[in-house]
Amino acid sequence: MIKPDRHTNPKYSILNISTVILSELNVFYAIQYDNLLNKIIAVLGDEAKVNFPYALNFLFLLGKLNYEQKTDSFRANEIK
């Protein structure tokens, strides 16, 4: 969830996972879903898998992320 409670570990929050996703997308032009998930797990740990789809949805709703269906990959939107 975006709103944390007392049991929420900030390391595995949607906002933190979103920042890691955006930093990975700054390094690569586009990255496939599975590769992005593996990088998030390598950086944050296995517990990040639970909130990974929510972080992708959060970034997509903010307009920071595009999904390309042909290549099953994500890319960051250009900053205007």
C-alpha atoms as a PDB file:
ATOM      1  CA  MET A   1       0.000   0.000   0.000  1.00  0.00           C
ATOM      2  CA  ILE A   2       1.087   3.569  -0.526  1.00  0.00           C
ATOM      3  CA  LYS A   3       0.004   4.657   2.948  1.00  0.00           C
ATOM      4  CA  PRO A   4       2.343   2.899   5.395  1.00  0.00           C
ATOM      5  CA  ASP A   5       1.378   1.517   8.757  1.00  0.00           C
ATOM      6  CA  ARG A   6       3.608   0.604  11.684  1.00  0.00           C
ATOM      7  CA  HIS A   7       4.407  -2.797  10.173  1.00  0.00           C
ATOM      8  CA  THR A   8       5.545  -1.432   6.813  1.00  0.00           C
ATOM      9  CA  ASN A   9       9.226  -1.735   6.055  1.00  0.00           C
ATOM     10  CA  PRO A  10      10.185   1.415   4.092  1.00  0.00           C
ATOM     11  CA  LYS A  11      12.666  -0.623   2.055  1.00  0.00           C
ATOM     12  CA  TYR A  12       9.821  -2.595   0.467  1.00  0.00           C
ATOM     13  CA  SER A  13       7.356   0.274   0.078  1.00  0.00           C
ATOM     14  CA  ILE A  14       5.826   1.137  -3.269  1.00  0.00           C
ATOM     15  CA  LEU A  15       7.574   4.505  -3.316  1.00  0.00           C
ATOM     16  CA  ASN A  16      11.010   2.992  -2.734  1.00  0.00           C
ATOM     17  CA  ILE A  17      10.477   0.275  -5.336  1.00  0.00           C
ATOM     18  CA  SER A  18       9.310   2.964  -7.762  1.00  0.00           C
ATOM     19  CA  THR A  19      12.522   4.928  -7.280  1.00  0.00           C
ATOM     20  CA  VAL A  20      14.601   1.838  -7.986  1.00  0.00           C
ATOM     21  CA  ILE A  21      12.546   1.135 -11.118  1.00  0.00           C
ATOM     22  CA  LEU A  22      13.069   4.677 -12.384  1.00  0.00           C
ATOM     23  CA  SER A  23      16.796   4.514 -11.668  1.00  0.00           C
ATOM     24  CA  GLU A  24      17.042   1.258 -13.638  1.00  0.00           C
ATOM     25  CA  LEU A  25      15.130   2.811 -16.518  1.00  0.00           C
ATOM     26  CA  ASN A  26      17.544   5.754 -16.533  1.00  0.00           C
ATOM     27  CA  VAL A  27      20.426   3.328 -17.087  1.00  0.00           C
ATOM     28  CA  PHE A  28      18.653   1.326 -19.813  1.00  0.00           C
ATOM     29  CA  TYR A  29      16.430   2.710 -22.564  1.00  0.00           C
ATOM     30  CA  ALA A  30      13.929  -0.137 -22.229  1.00  0.00           C
ATOM     31  CA  ILE A  31      13.912  -3.204 -20.029  1.00  0.00           C
ATOM     32  CA  GLN A  32      11.775  -6.326 -20.138  1.00  0.00           C
ATOM     33  CA  TYR A  33       9.422  -7.182 -17.281  1.00  0.00           C
ATOM     34  CA  ASP A  34      11.329 -10.261 -16.096  1.00  0.00           C
ATOM     35  CA  ASN A  35      14.700  -8.512 -16.247  1.00  0.00           C
ATOM     36  CA  LEU A  36      13.328  -5.545 -14.314  1.00  0.00           C
ATOM     37  CA  LEU A  37      11.839  -7.821 -11.665  1.00  0.00           C
ATOM     38  CA  ASN A  38      15.156  -9.669 -11.306  1.00  0.00           C
ATOM     39  CA  LYS A  39      17.023  -6.379 -10.877  1.00  0.00           C
ATOM     40  CA  ILE A  40      14.568  -5.203  -8.222  1.00  0.00           C
ATOM     41  CA  ILE A  41      14.976  -8.489  -6.351  1.00  0.00           C
ATOM     42  CA  ALA A  42      18.781  -8.199  -6.613  1.00  0.00           C
ATOM     43  CA  VAL A  43      18.740  -4.665  -5.204  1.00  0.00           C
ATOM     44  CA  LEU A  44      16.000  -4.899  -2.562  1.00  0.00           C
ATOM     45  CA  GLY A  45      15.469  -8.583  -1.865  1.00  0.00           C
ATOM     46  CA  ASP A  46      12.759 -11.198  -2.352  1.00  0.00           C
ATOM     47  CA  GLU A  47      10.185  -9.315  -0.266  1.00  0.00           C
ATOM     48  CA  ALA A  48       9.990  -6.620  -2.967  1.00  0.00           C
ATOM     49  CA  LYS A  49       8.146  -9.052  -5.296  1.00  0.00           C
ATOM     50  CA  VAL A  50       4.881  -8.433  -3.447  1.00  0.00           C
ATOM     51  CA  ASN A  51       4.754  -4.699  -4.152  1.00  0.00           C
ATOM     52  CA  PHE A  52       6.494  -4.759  -7.558  1.00  0.00           C
ATOM     53  CA  PRO A  53       3.264  -4.825  -9.639  1.00  0.00           C
ATOM     54  CA  TYR A  54       1.791  -2.055  -7.491  1.00  0.00           C
ATOM     55  CA  ALA A  55       4.881   0.092  -8.049  1.00  0.00           C
ATOM     56  CA  LEU A  56       4.580  -0.422 -11.809  1.00  0.00           C
ATOM     57  CA  ASN A  57       0.905   0.575 -11.679  1.00  0.00           C
ATOM     58  CA  PHE A  58       1.775   3.621  -9.583  1.00  0.00           C
ATOM     59  CA  LEU A  59       4.375   4.813 -12.097  1.00  0.00           C
ATOM     60  CA  PHE A  60       2.067   4.113 -15.033  1.00  0.00           C
ATOM     61  CA  LEU A  61      -0.760   6.111 -13.453  1.00  0.00           C
ATOM     62  CA  LEU A  62       1.608   9.019 -12.823  1.00  0.00           C
ATOM     63  CA  GLY A  63       2.596   8.960 -16.484  1.00  0.00           C
ATOM     64  CA  LYS A  64       6.241   8.138 -15.770  1.00  0.00           C
ATOM     65  CA  LEU A  65       6.237   4.723 -17.428  1.00  0.00           C
ATOM     66  CA  ASN A  66       5.218   3.260 -20.776  1.00  0.00           C
ATOM     67  CA  TYR A  67       4.624  -0.395 -21.559  1.00  0.00           C
ATOM     68  CA  GLU A  68       5.483  -1.744 -24.996  1.00  0.00           C
ATOM     69  CA  GLN A  69       3.437  -4.853 -25.662  1.00  0.00           C
ATOM     70  CA  LYS A  70       5.431  -6.084 -28.678  1.00  0.00           C
ATOM     71  CA  THR A  71       8.638  -6.396 -26.679  1.00  0.00           C
ATOM     72  CA  ASP A  72       7.052  -6.894 -23.227  1.00  0.00           C
ATOM     73  CA  SER A  73       9.211  -4.073 -21.925  1.00  0.00           C
ATOM     74  CA  PHE A  74       8.971  -0.809 -20.057  1.00  0.00           C
ATOM     75  CA  ARG A  75      10.540   2.533 -20.807  1.00  0.00           C
ATOM     76  CA  ALA A  76      10.495   5.825 -18.961  1.00  0.00           C
ATOM     77  CA  ASN A  77       8.627   8.780 -20.400  1.00  0.00           C
ATOM     78  CA  GLU A  78      10.654  11.799 -21.396  1.00  0.00           C
ATOM     79  CA  ILE A  79      10.739  14.559 -18.812  1.00  0.00           C
ATOM     80  CA  LYS A  80       9.165  17.725 -20.195  1.00  0.00           C
END
